[in-house]
Amino acid sequence: MASPEVRNDTDAQQYSLVEDGEVIGFAAYEVEGDEIRFTHTEVDPAHRGGGHASILVQHALDDVREGTRRVVPLCSYVKAWIERHPDYQELTTR
């Protein structure tokens, strides 16, 4: 089993978590101006509990960090993840 890969699918407006060629999770977002609003995060029930959502969100936020957009965590999971990781909190205030 390959380790999961995170891909930004800009057409679908989501970061997809892909394992063995299958999407097993996603973090949906909307872009408006200089903001990226994370609206929903979901991992396939068969893959929950293995840290997949955390991998997905961290990679998505790392990708956002490379640009200039401000993160608006409308999704409760993304909001909680950022609260638990102080080094990512600056993304919500830039």
PDB file of N, CA and C in Angstrom:
ATOM      1  N   MET A   1       0.842  -1.184   0.000  1.00  0.00           N
ATOM      2  CA  MET A   1       0.000   0.000   0.000  1.00  0.00           C
ATOM      3  C   MET A   1       0.885   1.243   0.000  1.00  0.00           C
ATOM      4  N   ALA A   2       0.636   2.133  -0.936  1.00  0.00           N
ATOM      5  CA  ALA A   2       1.399   3.371  -1.041  1.00  0.00           C
ATOM      6  C   ALA A   2       0.906   4.375  -0.008  1.00  0.00           C
ATOM      7  N   SER A   3       1.801   5.283   0.386  1.00  0.00           N
ATOM      8  CA  SER A   3       1.361   6.325   1.304  1.00  0.00           C
ATOM      9  C   SER A   3       0.478   7.305   0.528  1.00  0.00           C
ATOM     10  N   PRO A   4      -0.475   7.933   1.225  1.00  0.00           N
ATOM     11  CA  PRO A   4      -1.414   8.811   0.532  1.00  0.00           C
ATOM     12  C   PRO A   4      -0.736  10.051  -0.042  1.00  0.00           C
ATOM     13  N   GLU A   5      -1.317  10.551  -1.107  1.00  0.00           N
ATOM     14  CA  GLU A   5      -0.838  11.747  -1.788  1.00  0.00           C
ATOM     15  C   GLU A   5      -1.963  12.781  -1.763  1.00  0.00           C
ATOM     16  N   VAL A   6      -1.610  14.034  -1.587  1.00  0.00           N
ATOM     17  CA  VAL A   6      -2.602  15.107  -1.597  1.00  0.00           C
ATOM     18  C   VAL A   6      -2.462  15.878  -2.899  1.00  0.00           C
ATOM     19  N   ARG A   7      -3.594  16.068  -3.571  1.00  0.00           N
ATOM     20  CA  ARG A   7      -3.620  16.795  -4.845  1.00  0.00           C
ATOM     21  C   ARG A   7      -4.628  17.931  -4.750  1.00  0.00           C
ATOM     22  N   ASN A   8      -4.274  19.070  -5.316  1.00  0.00           N
ATOM     23  CA  ASN A   8      -5.199  20.195  -5.381  1.00  0.00           C
ATOM     24  C   ASN A   8      -5.964  20.108  -6.695  1.00  0.00           C
ATOM     25  N   ASP A   9      -7.234  19.779  -6.612  1.00  0.00           N
ATOM     26  CA  ASP A   9      -8.099  19.709  -7.790  1.00  0.00           C
ATOM     27  C   ASP A   9      -8.841  21.037  -7.884  1.00  0.00           C
ATOM     28  N   THR A  10      -8.241  21.990  -8.583  1.00  0.00           N
ATOM     29  CA  THR A  10      -8.808  23.343  -8.635  1.00  0.00           C
ATOM     30  C   THR A  10     -10.165  23.376  -9.325  1.00  0.00           C
ATOM     31  N   ASP A  11     -10.409  22.497 -10.294  1.00  0.00           N
ATOM     32  CA  ASP A  11     -11.715  22.476 -10.967  1.00  0.00           C
ATOM     33  C   ASP A  11     -12.829  22.089  -9.999  1.00  0.00           C
ATOM     34  N   ALA A  12     -12.561  21.131  -9.127  1.00  0.00           N
ATOM     35  CA  ALA A  12     -13.551  20.685  -8.144  1.00  0.00           C
ATOM     36  C   ALA A  12     -13.484  21.505  -6.854  1.00  0.00           C
ATOM     37  N   GLN A  13     -12.512  22.388  -6.759  1.00  0.00           N
ATOM     38  CA  GLN A  13     -12.265  23.193  -5.566  1.00  0.00           C
ATOM     39  C   GLN A  13     -12.151  22.317  -4.318  1.00  0.00           C
ATOM     40  N   GLN A  14     -11.192  21.410  -4.393  1.00  0.00           N
ATOM     41  CA  GLN A  14     -10.921  20.566  -3.229  1.00  0.00           C
ATOM     42  C   GLN A  14      -9.511  19.999  -3.306  1.00  0.00           C
ATOM     43  N   TYR A  15      -8.962  19.794  -2.129  1.00  0.00           N
ATOM     44  CA  TYR A  15      -7.727  19.022  -2.008  1.00  0.00           C
ATOM     45  C   TYR A  15      -8.174  17.585  -1.825  1.00  0.00           C
ATOM     46  N   SER A  16      -7.656  16.702  -2.649  1.00  0.00           N
ATOM     47  CA  SER A  16      -8.034  15.296  -2.602  1.00  0.00           C
ATOM     48  C   SER A  16      -6.907  14.468  -2.002  1.00  0.00           C
ATOM     49  N   LEU A  17      -7.272  13.543  -1.129  1.00  0.00           N
ATOM     50  CA  LEU A  17      -6.325  12.597  -0.552  1.00  0.00           C
ATOM     51  C   LEU A  17      -6.461  11.305  -1.351  1.00  0.00           C
ATOM     52  N   VAL A  18      -5.387  10.917  -2.035  1.00  0.00           N
ATOM     53  CA  VAL A  18      -5.422   9.785  -2.956  1.00  0.00           C
ATOM     54  C   VAL A  18      -4.491   8.687  -2.441  1.00  0.00           C
ATOM     55  N   GLU A  19      -5.048   7.473  -2.364  1.00  0.00           N
ATOM     56  CA  GLU A  19      -4.258   6.317  -1.936  1.00  0.00           C
ATOM     57  C   GLU A  19      -4.538   5.172  -2.904  1.00  0.00           C
ATOM     58  N   ASP A  20      -3.493   4.598  -3.443  1.00  0.00           N
ATOM     59  CA  ASP A  20      -3.617   3.506  -4.414  1.00  0.00           C
ATOM     60  C   ASP A  20      -4.558   3.884  -5.561  1.00  0.00           C
ATOM     61  N   GLY A  21      -4.474   5.139  -6.023  1.00  0.00           N
ATOM     62  CA  GLY A  21      -5.263   5.598  -7.153  1.00  0.00           C
ATOM     63  C   GLY A  21      -6.696   5.978  -6.848  1.00  0.00           C
ATOM     64  N   GLU A  22      -7.125   5.858  -5.589  1.00  0.00           N
ATOM     65  CA  GLU A  22      -8.504   6.190  -5.218  1.00  0.00           C
ATOM     66  C   GLU A  22      -8.538   7.389  -4.286  1.00  0.00           C
ATOM     67  N   VAL A  23      -9.525   8.259  -4.498  1.00  0.00           N
ATOM     68  CA  VAL A  23      -9.733   9.379  -3.588  1.00  0.00           C
ATOM     69  C   VAL A  23     -10.387   8.826  -2.327  1.00  0.00           C
ATOM     70  N   ILE A  24      -9.684   8.994  -1.202  1.00  0.00           N
ATOM     71  CA  ILE A  24     -10.213   8.483   0.071  1.00  0.00           C
ATOM     72  C   ILE A  24     -10.618   9.608   1.012  1.00  0.00           C
ATOM     73  N   GLY A  25     -10.400  10.838   0.579  1.00  0.00           N
ATOM     74  CA  GLY A  25     -10.806  11.975   1.394  1.00  0.00           C
ATOM     75  C   GLY A  25     -10.655  13.264   0.615  1.00  0.00           C
ATOM     76  N   PHE A  26     -11.285  14.310   1.133  1.00  0.00           N
ATOM     77  CA  PHE A  26     -11.162  15.612   0.478  1.00  0.00           C
ATOM     78  C   PHE A  26     -11.389  16.730   1.477  1.00  0.00           C
ATOM     79  N   ALA A  27     -10.819  17.875   1.152  1.00  0.00           N
ATOM     80  CA  ALA A  27     -11.056  19.117   1.888  1.00  0.00           C
ATOM     81  C   ALA A  27     -11.554  20.123   0.859  1.00  0.00           C
ATOM     82  N   ALA A  28     -12.845  20.412   0.916  1.00  0.00           N
ATOM     83  CA  ALA A  28     -13.465  21.319  -0.049  1.00  0.00           C
ATOM     84  C   ALA A  28     -13.192  22.766   0.351  1.00  0.00           C
ATOM     85  N   TYR A  29     -13.071  23.615  -0.657  1.00  0.00           N
ATOM     86  CA  TYR A  29     -12.807  25.024  -0.382  1.00  0.00           C
ATOM     87  C   TYR A  29     -13.472  25.907  -1.424  1.00  0.00           C
ATOM     88  N   GLU A  30     -13.558  27.184  -1.070  1.00  0.00           N
ATOM     89  CA  GLU A  30     -14.017  28.231  -1.987  1.00  0.00           C
ATOM     90  C   GLU A  30     -12.975  29.334  -1.940  1.00  0.00           C
ATOM     91  N   VAL A  31     -12.682  29.921  -3.093  1.00  0.00           N
ATOM     92  CA  VAL A  31     -11.750  31.034  -3.154  1.00  0.00           C
ATOM     93  C   VAL A  31     -12.539  32.286  -3.469  1.00  0.00           C
ATOM     94  N   GLU A  32     -12.324  33.307  -2.648  1.00  0.00           N
ATOM     95  CA  GLU A  32     -12.944  34.601  -2.912  1.00  0.00           C
ATOM     96  C   GLU A  32     -11.919  35.677  -2.592  1.00  0.00           C
ATOM     97  N   GLY A  33     -11.493  36.379  -3.626  1.00  0.00           N
ATOM     98  CA  GLY A  33     -10.479  37.416  -3.434  1.00  0.00           C
ATOM     99  C   GLY A  33      -9.196  36.823  -2.894  1.00  0.00           C
ATOM    100  N   ASP A  34      -8.743  37.356  -1.752  1.00  0.00           N
ATOM    101  CA  ASP A  34      -7.497  36.871  -1.152  1.00  0.00           C
ATOM    102  C   ASP A  34      -7.742  35.826  -0.075  1.00  0.00           C
ATOM    103  N   GLU A  35      -8.945  35.253  -0.042  1.00  0.00           N
ATOM    104  CA  GLU A  35      -9.286  34.248   0.961  1.00  0.00           C
ATOM    105  C   GLU A  35      -9.509  32.873   0.332  1.00  0.00           C
ATOM    106  N   ILE A  36      -9.126  31.843   1.086  1.00  0.00           N
ATOM    107  CA  ILE A  36      -9.504  30.476   0.749  1.00  0.00           C
ATOM    108  C   ILE A  36     -10.301  29.972   1.943  1.00  0.00           C
ATOM    109  N   ARG A  37     -11.546  29.614   1.695  1.00  0.00           N
ATOM    110  CA  ARG A  37     -12.462  29.203   2.752  1.00  0.00           C
ATOM    111  C   ARG A  37     -12.655  27.691   2.696  1.00  0.00           C
ATOM    112  N   PHE A  38     -12.133  27.020   3.720  1.00  0.00           N
ATOM    113  CA  PHE A  38     -12.313  25.573   3.796  1.00  0.00           C
ATOM    114  C   PHE A  38     -13.697  25.300   4.372  1.00  0.00           C
ATOM    115  N   THR A  39     -14.533  24.614   3.583  1.00  0.00           N
ATOM    116  CA  THR A  39     -15.938  24.452   3.942  1.00  0.00           C
ATOM    117  C   THR A  39     -16.296  23.065   4.471  1.00  0.00           C
ATOM    118  N   HIS A  40     -15.531  22.043   4.103  1.00  0.00           N
ATOM    119  CA  HIS A  40     -15.888  20.684   4.520  1.00  0.00           C
ATOM    120  C   HIS A  40     -14.700  19.761   4.314  1.00  0.00           C
ATOM    121  N   THR A  41     -14.468  18.897   5.295  1.00  0.00           N
ATOM    122  CA  THR A  41     -13.429  17.872   5.188  1.00  0.00           C
ATOM    123  C   THR A  41     -14.075  16.522   5.457  1.00  0.00           C
ATOM    124  N   GLU A  42     -13.730  15.557   4.627  1.00  0.00           N
ATOM    125  CA  GLU A  42     -14.334  14.229   4.778  1.00  0.00           C
ATOM    126  C   GLU A  42     -13.329  13.157   4.386  1.00  0.00           C
ATOM    127  N   VAL A  43     -13.304  12.076   5.158  1.00  0.00           N
ATOM    128  CA  VAL A  43     -12.476  10.908   4.845  1.00  0.00           C
ATOM    129  C   VAL A  43     -13.393   9.696   4.796  1.00  0.00           C
ATOM    130  N   ASP A  44     -13.165   8.846   3.804  1.00  0.00           N
ATOM    131  CA  ASP A  44     -13.951   7.626   3.656  1.00  0.00           C
ATOM    132  C   ASP A  44     -13.966   6.867   4.995  1.00  0.00           C
ATOM    133  N   PRO A  45     -15.134   6.382   5.414  1.00  0.00           N
ATOM    134  CA  PRO A  45     -15.228   5.692   6.711  1.00  0.00           C
ATOM    135  C   PRO A  45     -14.225   4.548   6.894  1.00  0.00           C
ATOM    136  N   ALA A  46     -13.873   3.855   5.820  1.00  0.00           N
ATOM    137  CA  ALA A  46     -12.924   2.743   5.917  1.00  0.00           C
ATOM    138  C   ALA A  46     -11.507   3.214   6.244  1.00  0.00           C
ATOM    139  N   HIS A  47     -11.244   4.507   6.095  1.00  0.00           N
ATOM    140  CA  HIS A  47      -9.906   5.046   6.321  1.00  0.00           C
ATOM    141  C   HIS A  47      -9.847   5.991   7.519  1.00  0.00           C
ATOM    142  N   ARG A  48     -10.911   6.096   8.266  1.00  0.00           N
ATOM    143  CA  ARG A  48     -10.923   6.995   9.425  1.00  0.00           C
ATOM    144  C   ARG A  48     -10.127   6.404  10.567  1.00  0.00           C
ATOM    145  N   GLY A  49      -9.597   7.302  11.390  1.00  0.00           N
ATOM    146  CA  GLY A  49      -8.853   6.869  12.561  1.00  0.00           C
ATOM    147  C   GLY A  49      -7.378   6.619  12.304  1.00  0.00           C
ATOM    148  N   GLY A  50      -6.938   6.797  11.094  1.00  0.00           N
ATOM    149  CA  GLY A  50      -5.532   6.554  10.764  1.00  0.00           C
ATOM    150  C   GLY A  50      -4.736   7.822  10.548  1.00  0.00           C
ATOM    151  N   GLY A  51      -5.301   8.960  10.905  1.00  0.00           N
ATOM    152  CA  GLY A  51      -4.612  10.228  10.728  1.00  0.00           C
ATOM    153  C   GLY A  51      -4.706  10.801   9.330  1.00  0.00           C
ATOM    154  N   HIS A  52      -5.565  10.216   8.496  1.00  0.00           N
ATOM    155  CA  HIS A  52      -5.668  10.673   7.104  1.00  0.00           C
ATOM    156  C   HIS A  52      -6.171  12.105   6.990  1.00  0.00           C
ATOM    157  N   ALA A  53      -7.148  12.475   7.801  1.00  0.00           N
ATOM    158  CA  ALA A  53      -7.676  13.844   7.734  1.00  0.00           C
ATOM    159  C   ALA A  53      -6.591  14.850   8.107  1.00  0.00           C
ATOM    160  N   SER A  54      -5.789  14.507   9.092  1.00  0.00           N
ATOM    161  CA  SER A  54      -4.702  15.397   9.502  1.00  0.00           C
ATOM    162  C   SER A  54      -3.668  15.548   8.394  1.00  0.00           C
ATOM    163  N   ILE A  55      -3.311  14.462   7.747  1.00  0.00           N
ATOM    164  CA  ILE A  55      -2.373  14.511   6.616  1.00  0.00           C
ATOM    165  C   ILE A  55      -2.930  15.414   5.520  1.00  0.00           C
ATOM    166  N   LEU A  56      -4.193  15.233   5.213  1.00  0.00           N
ATOM    167  CA  LEU A  56      -4.863  16.012   4.176  1.00  0.00           C
ATOM    168  C   LEU A  56      -4.836  17.500   4.495  1.00  0.00           C
ATOM    169  N   VAL A  57      -5.254  17.861   5.697  1.00  0.00           N
ATOM    170  CA  VAL A  57      -5.331  19.272   6.069  1.00  0.00           C
ATOM    171  C   VAL A  57      -3.938  19.898   6.141  1.00  0.00           C
ATOM    172  N   GLN A  58      -2.981  19.185   6.692  1.00  0.00           N
ATOM    173  CA  GLN A  58      -1.632  19.747   6.775  1.00  0.00           C
ATOM    174  C   GLN A  58      -1.072  20.025   5.383  1.00  0.00           C
ATOM    175  N   HIS A  59      -1.224  19.095   4.472  1.00  0.00           N
ATOM    176  CA  HIS A  59      -0.717  19.314   3.106  1.00  0.00           C
ATOM    177  C   HIS A  59      -1.454  20.460   2.416  1.00  0.00           C
ATOM    178  N   ALA A  60      -2.762  20.540   2.615  1.00  0.00           N
ATOM    179  CA  ALA A  60      -3.532  21.633   2.012  1.00  0.00           C
ATOM    180  C   ALA A  60      -3.056  22.981   2.554  1.00  0.00           C
ATOM    181  N   LEU A  61      -2.874  23.075   3.863  1.00  0.00           N
ATOM    182  CA  LEU A  61      -2.427  24.333   4.456  1.00  0.00           C
ATOM    183  C   LEU A  61      -0.989  24.659   4.072  1.00  0.00           C
ATOM    184  N   ASP A  62      -0.149  23.646   3.931  1.00  0.00           N
ATOM    185  CA  ASP A  62       1.219  23.886   3.456  1.00  0.00           C
ATOM    186  C   ASP A  62       1.195  24.470   2.048  1.00  0.00           C
ATOM    187  N   ASP A  63       0.280  23.980   1.219  1.00  0.00           N
ATOM    188  CA  ASP A  63       0.149  24.500  -0.140  1.00  0.00           C
ATOM    189  C   ASP A  63      -0.314  25.958  -0.107  1.00  0.00           C
ATOM    190  N   VAL A  64      -1.292  26.253   0.729  1.00  0.00           N
ATOM    191  CA  VAL A  64      -1.791  27.628   0.853  1.00  0.00           C
ATOM    192  C   VAL A  64      -0.686  28.542   1.369  1.00  0.00           C
ATOM    193  N   ARG A  65       0.108  28.052   2.294  1.00  0.00           N
ATOM    194  CA  ARG A  65       1.185  28.845   2.901  1.00  0.00           C
ATOM    195  C   ARG A  65       2.164  29.356   1.848  1.00  0.00           C
ATOM    196  N   GLU A  66       2.338  28.616   0.762  1.00  0.00           N
ATOM    197  CA  GLU A  66       3.270  29.025  -0.294  1.00  0.00           C
ATOM    198  C   GLU A  66       2.778  30.259  -1.049  1.00  0.00           C
ATOM    199  N   GLY A  67       1.498  30.556  -0.953  1.00  0.00           N
ATOM    200  CA  GLY A  67       0.936  31.731  -1.614  1.00  0.00           C
ATOM    201  C   GLY A  67       0.689  32.847  -0.613  1.00  0.00           C
ATOM    202  N   THR A  68      -0.324  33.667  -0.913  1.00  0.00           N
ATOM    203  CA  THR A  68      -0.613  34.820  -0.054  1.00  0.00           C
ATOM    204  C   THR A  68      -2.040  34.813   0.487  1.00  0.00           C
ATOM    205  N   ARG A  69      -2.814  33.806   0.152  1.00  0.00           N
ATOM    206  CA  ARG A  69      -4.212  33.786   0.599  1.00  0.00           C
ATOM    207  C   ARG A  69      -4.331  33.583   2.108  1.00  0.00           C
ATOM    208  N   ARG A  70      -5.388  34.160   2.647  1.00  0.00           N
ATOM    209  CA  ARG A  70      -5.709  33.988   4.059  1.00  0.00           C
ATOM    210  C   ARG A  70      -6.698  32.835   4.183  1.00  0.00           C
ATOM    211  N   VAL A  71      -6.475  31.967   5.165  1.00  0.00           N
ATOM    212  CA  VAL A  71      -7.336  30.814   5.393  1.00  0.00           C
ATOM    213  C   VAL A  71      -8.513  31.222   6.282  1.00  0.00           C
ATOM    214  N   VAL A  72      -9.709  30.870   5.835  1.00  0.00           N
ATOM    215  CA  VAL A  72     -10.912  31.040   6.638  1.00  0.00           C
ATOM    216  C   VAL A  72     -11.444  29.628   6.905  1.00  0.00           C
ATOM    217  N   PRO A  73     -11.265  29.132   8.124  1.00  0.00           N
ATOM    218  CA  PRO A  73     -11.654  27.748   8.430  1.00  0.00           C
ATOM    219  C   PRO A  73     -13.134  27.631   8.809  1.00  0.00           C
ATOM    220  N   LEU A  74     -14.012  27.538   7.820  1.00  0.00           N
ATOM    221  CA  LEU A  74     -15.438  27.358   8.072  1.00  0.00           C
ATOM    222  C   LEU A  74     -15.743  25.915   8.479  1.00  0.00           C
ATOM    223  N   CYS A  75     -14.910  24.994   8.049  1.00  0.00           N
ATOM    224  CA  CYS A  75     -15.028  23.582   8.409  1.00  0.00           C
ATOM    225  C   CYS A  75     -14.544  23.402   9.844  1.00  0.00           C
ATOM    226  N   SER A  76     -15.325  22.713  10.660  1.00  0.00           N
ATOM    227  CA  SER A  76     -14.962  22.537  12.074  1.00  0.00           C
ATOM    228  C   SER A  76     -13.669  21.740  12.232  1.00  0.00           C
ATOM    229  N   TYR A  77     -13.410  20.783  11.356  1.00  0.00           N
ATOM    230  CA  TYR A  77     -12.177  20.006  11.474  1.00  0.00           C
ATOM    231  C   TYR A  77     -10.956  20.880  11.187  1.00  0.00           C
ATOM    232  N   VAL A  78     -11.008  21.665  10.120  1.00  0.00           N
ATOM    233  CA  VAL A  78      -9.881  22.546   9.783  1.00  0.00           C
ATOM    234  C   VAL A  78      -9.664  23.558  10.901  1.00  0.00           C
ATOM    235  N   LYS A  79     -10.744  24.101  11.424  1.00  0.00           N
ATOM    236  CA  LYS A  79     -10.636  25.068  12.522  1.00  0.00           C
ATOM    237  C   LYS A  79      -9.952  24.439  13.739  1.00  0.00           C
ATOM    238  N   ALA A  80     -10.378  23.256  14.132  1.00  0.00           N
ATOM    239  CA  ALA A  80      -9.788  22.564  15.282  1.00  0.00           C
ATOM    240  C   ALA A  80      -8.329  22.205  15.009  1.00  0.00           C
ATOM    241  N   TRP A  81      -8.016  21.792  13.789  1.00  0.00           N
ATOM    242  CA  TRP A  81      -6.649  21.420  13.436  1.00  0.00           C
ATOM    243  C   TRP A  81      -5.730  22.623  13.583  1.00  0.00           C
ATOM    244  N   ILE A  82      -6.159  23.772  13.077  1.00  0.00           N
ATOM    245  CA  ILE A  82      -5.345  24.988  13.179  1.00  0.00           C
ATOM    246  C   ILE A  82      -5.167  25.383  14.647  1.00  0.00           C
ATOM    247  N   GLU A  83      -6.207  25.242  15.449  1.00  0.00           N
ATOM    248  CA  GLU A  83      -6.103  25.572  16.875  1.00  0.00           C
ATOM    249  C   GLU A  83      -5.080  24.680  17.574  1.00  0.00           C
ATOM    250  N   ARG A  84      -4.956  23.425  17.142  1.00  0.00           N
ATOM    251  CA  ARG A  84      -4.002  22.484  17.741  1.00  0.00           C
ATOM    252  C   ARG A  84      -2.573  22.655  17.216  1.00  0.00           C
ATOM    253  N   HIS A  85      -2.410  23.423  16.158  1.00  0.00           N
ATOM    254  CA  HIS A  85      -1.100  23.614  15.529  1.00  0.00           C
ATOM    255  C   HIS A  85      -0.806  25.115  15.420  1.00  0.00           C
ATOM    256  N   PRO A  86      -0.274  25.707  16.483  1.00  0.00           N
ATOM    257  CA  PRO A  86      -0.054  27.162  16.528  1.00  0.00           C
ATOM    258  C   PRO A  86       0.767  27.713  15.367  1.00  0.00           C
ATOM    259  N   ASP A  87       1.670  26.907  14.816  1.00  0.00           N
ATOM    260  CA  ASP A  87       2.498  27.397  13.718  1.00  0.00           C
ATOM    261  C   ASP A  87       1.710  27.614  12.427  1.00  0.00           C
ATOM    262  N   TYR A  88       0.452  27.204  12.388  1.00  0.00           N
ATOM    263  CA  TYR A  88      -0.401  27.426  11.213  1.00  0.00           C
ATOM    264  C   TYR A  88      -1.414  28.550  11.445  1.00  0.00           C
ATOM    265  N   GLN A  89      -1.497  29.060  12.653  1.00  0.00           N
ATOM    266  CA  GLN A  89      -2.508  30.071  12.973  1.00  0.00           C
ATOM    267  C   GLN A  89      -2.299  31.376  12.220  1.00  0.00           C
ATOM    268  N   GLU A  90      -1.044  31.681  11.845  1.00  0.00           N
ATOM    269  CA  GLU A  90      -0.790  32.912  11.110  1.00  0.00           C
ATOM    270  C   GLU A  90      -1.488  32.913   9.754  1.00  0.00           C
ATOM    271  N   LEU A  91      -1.839  31.745   9.231  1.00  0.00           N
ATOM    272  CA  LEU A  91      -2.530  31.696   7.943  1.00  0.00           C
ATOM    273  C   LEU A  91      -3.922  32.318   8.006  1.00  0.00           C
ATOM    274  N   THR A  92      -4.489  32.406   9.203  1.00  0.00           N
ATOM    275  CA  THR A  92      -5.840  32.955   9.351  1.00  0.00           C
ATOM    276  C   THR A  92      -5.840  34.470   9.544  1.00  0.00           C
ATOM    277  N   THR A  93      -4.667  35.052   9.704  1.00  0.00           N
ATOM    278  CA  THR A  93      -4.605  36.486   9.988  1.00  0.00           C
ATOM    279  C   THR A  93      -3.830  37.299   8.959  1.00  0.00           C
ATOM    280  N   ARG A  94      -3.327  36.663   7.934  1.00  0.00           N
ATOM    281  CA  ARG A  94      -2.532  37.437   6.974  1.00  0.00           C
ATOM    282  C   ARG A  94      -3.374  38.233   6.030  1.00  0.00           C
TER     283      ARG A  94
END
